[in-house]
Each structure stands twice: as structure tokens, then as C-alpha cells.
C-alpha atoms as a PDB file:
ATOM      1  CA  UNK A   1     -16.512  30.602 -64.707  1.00  0.00           C
ATOM      2  CA  UNK A   2     -18.415  33.028 -66.939  1.00  0.00           C
ATOM      3  CA  UNK A   3     -19.473  30.213 -69.280  1.00  0.00           C
ATOM      4  CA  UNK A   4     -20.748  27.767 -66.663  1.00  0.00           C
ATOM      5  CA  UNK A   5     -24.163  26.232 -67.387  1.00  0.00           C
ATOM      6  CA  UNK A   6     -24.631  24.469 -64.043  1.00  0.00           C
ATOM      7  CA  UNK A   7     -23.311  25.226 -60.550  1.00  0.00           C
ATOM      8  CA  UNK A   8     -23.609  22.396 -58.004  1.00  0.00           C
ATOM      9  CA  UNK A   9     -23.315  23.310 -54.317  1.00  0.00           C
ATOM     10  CA  UNK A  10     -22.701  20.455 -51.874  1.00  0.00           C
ATOM     11  CA  UNK A  11     -22.893  20.356 -48.066  1.00  0.00           C
ATOM     12  CA  UNK A  12     -24.828  23.620 -48.043  1.00  0.00           C
ATOM     13  CA  UNK A  13     -25.930  23.165 -44.443  1.00  0.00           C
ATOM     14  CA  UNK A  14     -22.278  23.256 -43.353  1.00  0.00           C
ATOM     15  CA  UNK A  15     -21.298  26.173 -45.604  1.00  0.00           C
ATOM     16  CA  UNK A  16     -24.082  28.359 -44.208  1.00  0.00           C
ATOM     17  CA  UNK A  17     -23.900  27.129 -40.616  1.00  0.00           C
ATOM     18  CA  UNK A  18     -23.815  30.675 -39.209  1.00  0.00           C
ATOM     19  CA  UNK A  19     -24.857  34.194 -40.207  1.00  0.00           C
ATOM     20  CA  UNK A  20     -21.201  35.210 -40.632  1.00  0.00           C
ATOM     21  CA  UNK A  21     -20.590  32.311 -43.000  1.00  0.00           C
ATOM     22  CA  UNK A  22     -23.700  33.195 -45.004  1.00  0.00           C
ATOM     23  CA  UNK A  23     -22.469  36.748 -45.513  1.00  0.00           C
ATOM     24  CA  UNK A  24     -18.979  35.545 -46.426  1.00  0.00           C
ATOM     25  CA  UNK A  25     -20.307  33.120 -49.026  1.00  0.00           C
ATOM     26  CA  UNK A  26     -22.625  35.807 -50.406  1.00  0.00           C
ATOM     27  CA  UNK A  27     -19.622  38.089 -50.921  1.00  0.00           C
ATOM     28  CA  UNK A  28     -17.853  35.251 -52.704  1.00  0.00           C
ATOM     29  CA  UNK A  29     -20.812  34.715 -55.037  1.00  0.00           C
ATOM     30  CA  UNK A  30     -20.936  38.433 -55.825  1.00  0.00           C
ATOM     31  CA  UNK A  31     -17.204  38.624 -56.525  1.00  0.00           C
ATOM     32  CA  UNK A  32     -17.403  35.694 -58.941  1.00  0.00           C
ATOM     33  CA  UNK A  33     -20.140  37.480 -60.905  1.00  0.00           C
ATOM     34  CA  UNK A  34     -21.652  34.142 -61.826  1.00  0.00           C
ATOM     35  CA  UNK A  35     -23.576  33.915 -65.072  1.00  0.00           C
ATOM     36  CA  UNK A  36     -24.635  30.354 -64.310  1.00  0.00           C
ATOM     37  CA  UNK A  37     -28.243  29.810 -65.347  1.00  0.00           C
ATOM     38  CA  UNK A  38     -28.917  26.662 -63.313  1.00  0.00           C
ATOM     39  CA  UNK A  39     -27.996  26.071 -59.680  1.00  0.00           C
ATOM     40  CA  UNK A  40     -28.389  22.693 -57.971  1.00  0.00           C
ATOM     41  CA  UNK A  41     -28.303  22.294 -54.181  1.00  0.00           C
ATOM     42  CA  UNK A  42     -27.740  18.793 -52.851  1.00  0.00           C
ATOM     43  CA  UNK A  43     -29.291  19.681 -49.521  1.00  0.00           C
ATOM     44  CA  UNK A  44     -32.807  20.560 -48.415  1.00  0.00           C
ATOM     45  CA  UNK A  45     -32.952  24.200 -47.282  1.00  0.00           C
ATOM     46  CA  UNK A  46     -35.348  25.879 -44.874  1.00  0.00           C
ATOM     47  CA  UNK A  47     -38.009  28.189 -46.332  1.00  0.00           C
ATOM     48  CA  UNK A  48     -36.317  31.409 -45.172  1.00  0.00           C
ATOM     49  CA  UNK A  49     -33.073  30.453 -46.908  1.00  0.00           C
ATOM     50  CA  UNK A  50     -34.951  29.479 -50.073  1.00  0.00           C
ATOM     51  CA  UNK A  51     -36.617  32.906 -50.223  1.00  0.00           C
ATOM     52  CA  UNK A  52     -33.212  34.570 -49.888  1.00  0.00           C
ATOM     53  CA  UNK A  53     -31.875  32.314 -52.648  1.00  0.00           C
ATOM     54  CA  UNK A  54     -34.485  33.486 -55.139  1.00  0.00           C
ATOM     55  CA  UNK A  55     -34.900  37.130 -54.117  1.00  0.00           C
ATOM     56  CA  UNK A  56     -31.450  38.239 -52.958  1.00  0.00           C
ATOM     57  CA  UNK A  57     -28.611  35.856 -53.717  1.00  0.00           C
ATOM     58  CA  UNK A  58     -29.541  34.313 -57.077  1.00  0.00           C
ATOM     59  CA  UNK A  59     -32.302  36.434 -58.683  1.00  0.00           C
ATOM     60  CA  UNK A  60     -33.357  35.199 -62.095  1.00  0.00           C
ATOM     61  CA  UNK A  61     -31.596  31.840 -61.756  1.00  0.00           C
ATOM     62  CA  UNK A  62     -33.131  28.394 -62.110  1.00  0.00           C
ATOM     63  CA  UNK A  63     -32.629  26.786 -58.688  1.00  0.00           C
ATOM     64  CA  UNK A  64     -33.154  23.079 -58.014  1.00  0.00           C
ATOM     65  CA  UNK A  65     -33.104  21.278 -54.667  1.00  0.00           C
ATOM     66  CA  UNK A  66     -32.565  17.539 -54.574  1.00  0.00           C
ATOM     67  CA  UNK A  67     -35.372  15.677 -52.868  1.00  0.00           C
ATOM     68  CA  UNK A  68     -33.581  13.062 -50.775  1.00  0.00           C
ATOM     69  CA  UNK A  69     -36.566  10.761 -50.443  1.00  0.00           C
ATOM     70  CA  UNK A  70     -37.464  10.778 -54.137  1.00  0.00           C
ATOM     71  CA  UNK A  71     -33.809  10.349 -55.111  1.00  0.00           C
ATOM     72  CA  UNK A  72     -33.420   7.255 -52.969  1.00  0.00           C
ATOM     73  CA  UNK A  73     -36.687   5.778 -54.200  1.00  0.00           C
ATOM     74  CA  UNK A  74     -35.362   5.984 -57.761  1.00  0.00           C
ATOM     75  CA  UNK A  75     -32.364   3.847 -56.786  1.00  0.00           C
ATOM     76  CA  UNK A  76     -31.982   0.239 -55.701  1.00  0.00           C
ATOM     77  CA  UNK A  77     -29.496  -0.163 -52.845  1.00  0.00           C
ATOM     78  CA  UNK A  78     -27.669  -3.375 -51.972  1.00  0.00           C
ATOM     79  CA  UNK A  79     -24.853  -4.422 -49.705  1.00  0.00           C
ATOM     80  CA  UNK A  80     -22.573  -7.429 -49.978  1.00  0.00           C
ATOM     81  CA  UNK A  81     -21.110  -8.643 -46.671  1.00  0.00           C
ATOM     82  CA  UNK A  82     -17.518  -9.460 -47.633  1.00  0.00           C
ATOM     83  CA  UNK A  83     -16.091  -9.705 -44.120  1.00  0.00           C
ATOM     84  CA  UNK A  84     -15.586 -13.454 -44.504  1.00  0.00           C
ATOM     85  CA  UNK A  85     -15.093 -13.423 -48.294  1.00  0.00           C
ATOM     86  CA  UNK A  86     -11.904 -13.457 -50.359  1.00  0.00           C
ATOM     87  CA  UNK A  87     -10.846 -10.963 -53.036  1.00  0.00           C
ATOM     88  CA  UNK A  88     -12.049 -13.170 -55.888  1.00  0.00           C
ATOM     89  CA  UNK A  89     -15.569 -13.267 -54.446  1.00  0.00           C
ATOM     90  CA  UNK A  90     -15.611  -9.480 -54.153  1.00  0.00           C
ATOM     91  CA  UNK A  91     -14.354  -9.048 -57.713  1.00  0.00           C
ATOM     92  CA  UNK A  92     -17.045 -11.415 -58.936  1.00  0.00           C
ATOM     93  CA  UNK A  93     -19.519  -8.592 -58.261  1.00  0.00           C
ATOM     94  CA  UNK A  94     -18.152  -6.809 -61.336  1.00  0.00           C
ATOM     95  CA  UNK A  95     -19.385  -9.657 -63.520  1.00  0.00           C
ATOM     96  CA  UNK A  96     -22.670  -9.894 -61.621  1.00  0.00           C
ATOM     97  CA  UNK A  97     -23.334  -6.208 -62.261  1.00  0.00           C
ATOM     98  CA  UNK A  98     -22.341  -6.384 -65.933  1.00  0.00           C
ATOM     99  CA  UNK A  99     -25.126  -8.544 -67.325  1.00  0.00           C
ATOM    100  CA  UNK A 100     -26.289  -5.590 -69.453  1.00  0.00           C
ATOM    101  CA  UNK A 101     -22.774  -4.682 -70.605  1.00  0.00           C
ATOM    102  CA  UNK A 102     -23.718  -4.466 -74.284  1.00  0.00           C
ATOM    103  CA  UNK A 103     -26.676  -2.123 -73.800  1.00  0.00           C
ATOM    104  CA  UNK A 104     -26.074   1.410 -75.076  1.00  0.00           C
ATOM    105  CA  UNK A 105     -26.766   3.224 -71.789  1.00  0.00           C
ATOM    106  CA  UNK A 106     -24.785   0.785 -69.597  1.00  0.00           C
ATOM    107  CA  UNK A 107     -22.213   2.644 -67.449  1.00  0.00           C
ATOM    108  CA  UNK A 108     -20.647   1.655 -64.108  1.00  0.00           C
ATOM    109  CA  UNK A 109     -18.788   3.852 -61.623  1.00  0.00           C
ATOM    110  CA  UNK A 110     -16.493   1.826 -59.334  1.00  0.00           C
ATOM    111  CA  UNK A 111     -15.136   3.513 -56.204  1.00  0.00           C
ATOM    112  CA  UNK A 112     -12.289   2.280 -53.997  1.00  0.00           C
ATOM    113  CA  UNK A 113     -10.007   4.033 -51.492  1.00  0.00           C
ATOM    114  CA  UNK A 114      -6.476   2.973 -52.490  1.00  0.00           C
ATOM    115  CA  UNK A 115      -4.243   2.738 -55.554  1.00  0.00           C
ATOM    116  CA  UNK A 116      -3.672  -0.936 -54.730  1.00  0.00           C
ATOM    117  CA  UNK A 117      -7.363  -1.770 -55.052  1.00  0.00           C
ATOM    118  CA  UNK A 118      -7.684   0.518 -58.060  1.00  0.00           C
ATOM    119  CA  UNK A 119      -5.046  -1.588 -59.823  1.00  0.00           C
ATOM    120  CA  UNK A 120      -6.677  -4.858 -58.697  1.00  0.00           C
ATOM    121  CA  UNK A 121     -10.013  -3.741 -60.145  1.00  0.00           C
ATOM    122  CA  UNK A 122      -8.458  -2.553 -63.409  1.00  0.00           C
ATOM    123  CA  UNK A 123      -6.611  -5.865 -63.780  1.00  0.00           C
ATOM    124  CA  UNK A 124      -9.921  -7.712 -63.349  1.00  0.00           C
ATOM    125  CA  UNK A 125     -11.567  -5.508 -65.978  1.00  0.00           C
ATOM    126  CA  UNK A 126      -8.717  -6.259 -68.370  1.00  0.00           C
ATOM    127  CA  UNK A 127      -9.135 -10.004 -67.752  1.00  0.00           C
ATOM    128  CA  UNK A 128     -12.820  -9.640 -68.615  1.00  0.00           C
ATOM    129  CA  UNK A 129     -11.883  -7.550 -71.673  1.00  0.00           C
ATOM    130  CA  UNK A 130     -14.014  -4.654 -70.430  1.00  0.00           C
ATOM    131  CA  UNK A 131     -13.014  -1.156 -71.517  1.00  0.00           C
ATOM    132  CA  UNK A 132     -12.557   1.394 -68.719  1.00  0.00           C
ATOM    133  CA  UNK A 133     -11.357   4.867 -67.771  1.00  0.00           C
ATOM    134  CA  UNK A 134      -9.748   5.624 -64.416  1.00  0.00           C
ATOM    135  CA  UNK A 135      -8.564   8.401 -62.125  1.00  0.00           C
ATOM    136  CA  UNK A 136      -5.953   7.766 -59.415  1.00  0.00           C
ATOM    137  CA  UNK A 137      -6.276  10.374 -56.678  1.00  0.00           C
ATOM    138  CA  UNK A 138      -3.262   9.080 -54.685  1.00  0.00           C
ATOM    139  CA  UNK A 139      -0.690   9.359 -57.473  1.00  0.00           C
ATOM    140  CA  UNK A 140      -2.419  12.176 -59.338  1.00  0.00           C
ATOM    141  CA  UNK A 141      -2.493  10.049 -62.491  1.00  0.00           C
ATOM    142  CA  UNK A 142      -5.624  11.336 -64.153  1.00  0.00           C
ATOM    143  CA  UNK A 143      -7.137   9.689 -67.187  1.00  0.00           C
ATOM    144  CA  UNK A 144      -6.833  11.859 -70.246  1.00  0.00           C
ATOM    145  CA  UNK A 145      -9.670  13.951 -71.599  1.00  0.00           C
ATOM    146  CA  UNK A 146      -9.936  11.475 -74.463  1.00  0.00           C
ATOM    147  CA  UNK A 147     -10.447   8.592 -72.008  1.00  0.00           C
ATOM    148  CA  UNK A 148     -13.054  10.512 -70.037  1.00  0.00           C
ATOM    149  CA  UNK A 149     -14.932  11.414 -73.200  1.00  0.00           C
ATOM    150  CA  UNK A 150     -14.766   7.749 -74.183  1.00  0.00           C
ATOM    151  CA  UNK A 151     -16.619   6.907 -70.965  1.00  0.00           C
ATOM    152  CA  UNK A 152     -19.224   9.627 -71.452  1.00  0.00           C
ATOM    153  CA  UNK A 153     -19.834   8.512 -75.030  1.00  0.00           C
ATOM    154  CA  UNK A 154     -20.246   4.888 -73.967  1.00  0.00           C
ATOM    155  CA  UNK A 155     -17.103   3.543 -75.643  1.00  0.00           C
ATOM    156  CA  UNK A 156     -15.657   2.769 -72.206  1.00  0.00           C
ATOM    157  CA  UNK A 157     -18.284   1.224 -69.945  1.00  0.00           C
ATOM    158  CA  UNK A 158     -16.454   1.546 -66.605  1.00  0.00           C
ATOM    159  CA  UNK A 159     -15.124   4.545 -64.681  1.00  0.00           C
ATOM    160  CA  UNK A 160     -12.819   3.511 -61.826  1.00  0.00           C
ATOM    161  CA  UNK A 161     -11.750   6.063 -59.213  1.00  0.00           C
ATOM    162  CA  UNK A 162     -10.266   6.277 -55.737  1.00  0.00           C
ATOM    163  CA  UNK A 163     -11.016   9.950 -55.195  1.00  0.00           C
ATOM    164  CA  UNK A 164     -12.758  10.457 -51.826  1.00  0.00           C
ATOM    165  CA  UNK A 165     -15.144  12.933 -53.482  1.00  0.00           C
ATOM    166  CA  UNK A 166     -16.607  10.723 -56.156  1.00  0.00           C
ATOM    167  CA  UNK A 167     -19.720  12.847 -56.570  1.00  0.00           C
ATOM    168  CA  UNK A 168     -20.640  12.879 -60.239  1.00  0.00           C
ATOM    169  CA  UNK A 169     -23.112  14.704 -62.459  1.00  0.00           C
ATOM    170  CA  UNK A 170     -23.143  12.348 -65.432  1.00  0.00           C
ATOM    171  CA  UNK A 171     -25.591   9.453 -65.726  1.00  0.00           C
ATOM    172  CA  UNK A 172     -24.553   5.919 -64.821  1.00  0.00           C
ATOM    173  CA  UNK A 173     -26.643   2.780 -64.407  1.00  0.00           C
ATOM    174  CA  UNK A 174     -24.624   1.292 -61.547  1.00  0.00           C
ATOM    175  CA  UNK A 175     -22.326   2.376 -58.710  1.00  0.00           C
ATOM    176  CA  UNK A 176     -20.101  -0.289 -57.160  1.00  0.00           C
ATOM    177  CA  UNK A 177     -18.683   0.975 -53.860  1.00  0.00           C
ATOM    178  CA  UNK A 178     -15.821  -1.521 -53.661  1.00  0.00           C
ATOM    179  CA  UNK A 179     -14.475   0.193 -50.531  1.00  0.00           C
ATOM    180  CA  UNK A 180     -16.810   2.335 -48.473  1.00  0.00           C
ATOM    181  CA  UNK A 181     -15.534   5.879 -47.788  1.00  0.00           C
ATOM    182  CA  UNK A 182     -14.283   6.537 -44.270  1.00  0.00           C
ATOM    183  CA  UNK A 183     -16.596   8.669 -42.109  1.00  0.00           C
ATOM    184  CA  UNK A 184     -19.408   8.253 -44.624  1.00  0.00           C
ATOM    185  CA  UNK A 185     -22.408  10.145 -43.210  1.00  0.00           C
ATOM    186  CA  UNK A 186     -25.974   9.212 -44.195  1.00  0.00           C
ATOM    187  CA  UNK A 187     -26.441  12.557 -45.956  1.00  0.00           C
ATOM    188  CA  UNK A 188     -23.088  12.116 -47.713  1.00  0.00           C
ATOM    189  CA  UNK A 189     -24.214   8.724 -48.978  1.00  0.00           C
ATOM    190  CA  UNK A 190     -27.492  10.165 -50.252  1.00  0.00           C
ATOM    191  CA  UNK A 191     -25.736  13.023 -52.026  1.00  0.00           C
ATOM    192  CA  UNK A 192     -23.415  10.666 -53.879  1.00  0.00           C
ATOM    193  CA  UNK A 193     -26.348   8.513 -54.979  1.00  0.00           C
ATOM    194  CA  UNK A 194     -28.597  11.461 -55.804  1.00  0.00           C
ATOM    195  CA  UNK A 195     -26.130  13.140 -58.153  1.00  0.00           C
ATOM    196  CA  UNK A 196     -26.665  10.340 -60.628  1.00  0.00           C
ATOM    197  CA  UNK A 197     -30.384  10.918 -60.366  1.00  0.00           C
ATOM    198  CA  UNK A 198     -30.221  14.544 -61.471  1.00  0.00           C
ATOM    199  CA  UNK A 199     -30.542  12.892 -64.884  1.00  0.00           C
ATOM    200  CA  UNK A 200     -33.506  10.807 -63.650  1.00  0.00           C
ATOM    201  CA  UNK A 201     -31.560   7.668 -64.490  1.00  0.00           C
ATOM    202  CA  UNK A 202     -32.628   4.584 -62.474  1.00  0.00           C
ATOM    203  CA  UNK A 203     -29.510   3.366 -60.747  1.00  0.00           C
ATOM    204  CA  UNK A 204     -28.237   0.363 -58.798  1.00  0.00           C
ATOM    205  CA  UNK A 205     -25.853   1.027 -55.893  1.00  0.00           C
ATOM    206  CA  UNK A 206     -23.872  -1.967 -54.603  1.00  0.00           C
ATOM    207  CA  UNK A 207     -21.899  -1.462 -51.363  1.00  0.00           C
ATOM    208  CA  UNK A 208     -19.160  -3.906 -50.354  1.00  0.00           C
ATOM    209  CA  UNK A 209     -18.975  -4.302 -46.568  1.00  0.00           C
ATOM    210  CA  UNK A 210     -15.416  -5.319 -45.686  1.00  0.00           C
ATOM    211  CA  UNK A 211     -15.276  -4.467 -41.977  1.00  0.00           C
ATOM    212  CA  UNK A 212     -17.407  -3.990 -38.873  1.00  0.00           C
ATOM    213  CA  UNK A 213     -17.062  -0.225 -39.388  1.00  0.00           C
ATOM    214  CA  UNK A 214     -18.543  -0.577 -42.883  1.00  0.00           C
ATOM    215  CA  UNK A 215     -21.470  -2.557 -41.491  1.00  0.00           C
ATOM    216  CA  UNK A 216     -22.126   0.173 -38.903  1.00  0.00           C
ATOM    217  CA  UNK A 217     -22.183   2.730 -41.737  1.00  0.00           C
ATOM    218  CA  UNK A 218     -24.838   0.728 -43.571  1.00  0.00           C
ATOM    219  CA  UNK A 219     -26.896   0.442 -40.388  1.00  0.00           C
ATOM    220  CA  UNK A 220     -26.593   4.186 -39.680  1.00  0.00           C
ATOM    221  CA  UNK A 221     -27.633   5.110 -43.232  1.00  0.00           C
ATOM    222  CA  UNK A 222     -30.587   2.712 -43.091  1.00  0.00           C
ATOM    223  CA  UNK A 223     -31.698   4.079 -39.706  1.00  0.00           C
ATOM    224  CA  UNK A 224     -31.491   7.688 -40.920  1.00  0.00           C
ATOM    225  CA  UNK A 225     -33.610   6.846 -43.962  1.00  0.00           C
ATOM    226  CA  UNK A 226     -36.127   5.016 -41.798  1.00  0.00           C
ATOM    227  CA  UNK A 227     -36.536   7.781 -39.211  1.00  0.00           C
ATOM    228  CA  UNK A 228     -36.023  10.930 -41.299  1.00  0.00           C
ATOM    229  CA  UNK A 229     -37.221   9.941 -44.763  1.00  0.00           C
ATOM    230  CA  UNK A 230     -39.765   7.235 -43.862  1.00  0.00           C
ATOM    231  CA  UNK A 231     -38.019   4.642 -46.054  1.00  0.00           C
ATOM    232  CA  UNK A 232     -38.312   1.459 -43.950  1.00  0.00           C
ATOM    233  CA  UNK A 233     -35.868  -0.846 -45.754  1.00  0.00           C
ATOM    234  CA  UNK A 234     -33.288   0.942 -47.902  1.00  0.00           C
ATOM    235  CA  UNK A 235     -30.780  -1.892 -48.326  1.00  0.00           C
ATOM    236  CA  UNK A 236     -31.148  -5.454 -49.561  1.00  0.00           C
ATOM    237  CA  UNK A 237     -28.357  -7.857 -48.623  1.00  0.00           C
ATOM    238  CA  UNK A 238     -26.960  -9.999 -51.422  1.00  0.00           C
ATOM    239  CA  UNK A 239     -24.773 -13.095 -51.148  1.00  0.00           C
ATOM    240  CA  UNK A 240     -22.789 -15.069 -53.740  1.00  0.00           C
ATOM    241  CA  UNK A 241     -25.801 -17.400 -53.959  1.00  0.00           C
ATOM    242  CA  UNK A 242     -28.567 -14.843 -54.507  1.00  0.00           C
ATOM    243  CA  UNK A 243     -26.862 -11.839 -56.122  1.00  0.00           C
ATOM    244  CA  UNK A 244     -27.854 -12.778 -59.677  1.00  0.00           C
ATOM    245  CA  UNK A 245     -31.480 -13.461 -58.761  1.00  0.00           C
ATOM    246  CA  UNK A 246     -31.754 -10.199 -56.788  1.00  0.00           C
ATOM    247  CA  UNK A 247     -30.336  -8.136 -59.646  1.00  0.00           C
ATOM    248  CA  UNK A 248     -32.603  -9.878 -62.143  1.00  0.00           C
ATOM    249  CA  UNK A 249     -35.587  -9.197 -59.877  1.00  0.00           C
ATOM    250  CA  UNK A 250     -34.660  -5.502 -59.799  1.00  0.00           C
ATOM    251  CA  UNK A 251     -34.593  -5.263 -63.600  1.00  0.00           C
ATOM    252  CA  UNK A 252     -38.158  -6.598 -63.996  1.00  0.00           C
END
């Protein structure tokens, strides 16, 4: 902990929901004796809390707050309605999103919820002869440090995970949400997308809608962005017929 360069704090509005919780967290920060130089909050804080951050809780630290609106504007968001599609059509998205596979900065994060789908995705990547790293949250089979470093260095182009907390702080060019997380709040969705953008890397996020519940999530996220962030149309729907043209349009 003494050698940390960056501390990321998620869901800050929930952590500091009451005065008692604020004091408890403050005590925790003091006991850790953090020497972290940079602190990143993935939530917009009120002015009073920001003043306390700089003057009392983290004096002398470099504090950054993610701007939800700017983060989303630096990303292109799609959804693919797979409710009447088969597995092969869903897996085809991997190829659709891999047109720039041989570019140096090309990296894709693929998220799913189960080990079964994790294995299905990895099998597809092997068929395509794409190199990947993976982490299986259900069986606790973590990819080795060597594999992870291979992804960061660009040797492996894909990072496949089924961890429910797939928030990341390394740059990727694409996120494929093969299975949408359960109880995915609009702010939760923004945080997962925005983490990529801490590196100011333009990113494509493709969401696979496999159920009516998934579709309601997309609608709720879009409505939140429209009403709270003044972003009128966050998502573009893609189909098997127009996915390539939409992705090509985005790259221009």
C-alpha cells in the first residue's frame, strides 16, 4: 500500500451516504497512511465534499473526478438485440469488432457472466487463431501474471473475464459485453466505460441484449443519460446486416 501510485475509489456516493460513514472511512484512510500521489473518484461529488477532500482528507494529493458526460462522449455505444438470434450470430460480433486486429493499440475486453460462456468465447477465439488472456471468477482460475502482461503489452489482443466487477484501469479500444451484468445501474455502466477513458482512449462499447431484462437496462441507461447528462441518443442499434457499416462509420 505504501508504494501505490494511483488509488481508485468507486461508488463514492454509497460509501459516504451518511456522516457516520464519512467519519468511519476517514479513520480508515488515516490508518492506512496512504502515500498515494493520485486519487481518482469515479463519481461526481458535491462542492462541500470536494473541499474536504483537498483540505482535510487528502491534503497535497492530486485528485481527479471523472466527468460522466465527457467520458460518454468519448465512447461509441452500441447494442445488438440477440433475443431472436443464435449463438453463432452473437459470436460473429467478435469478428466484426476485430477488423483492426493487427494494429498495435488494438485491445478488446470481453465480459460474460458464466464459465460456460467464457469457455464458448475462448473456443471461438481459438478457432479464429486470436491470442487471449482470461480470468474465471467462478472457478478462481486466474490467468498468470505472464498472460496478463502479454495482454498489456499487446501480444494477446483479447482479455476475457466473467468477474462481475470488470472495472479496469488499462486502455482498451473495445469492450464487448457478451452478457450484461445483472442489476446494472446507469451509473455503474458509466463507471465501467469511463475507466477505460482515464487514458483518454477512444473506445467502442458493444452490448449484447439477450433478454427483455437486458433491453430494459439499455433503455434505463439511455433515459438517465438523456435526462441527467443531456445526451439524447447514447446507443445505436446494430444488426447482422448493418454492424460492419456502423463500425466503419464510427472509425471515420
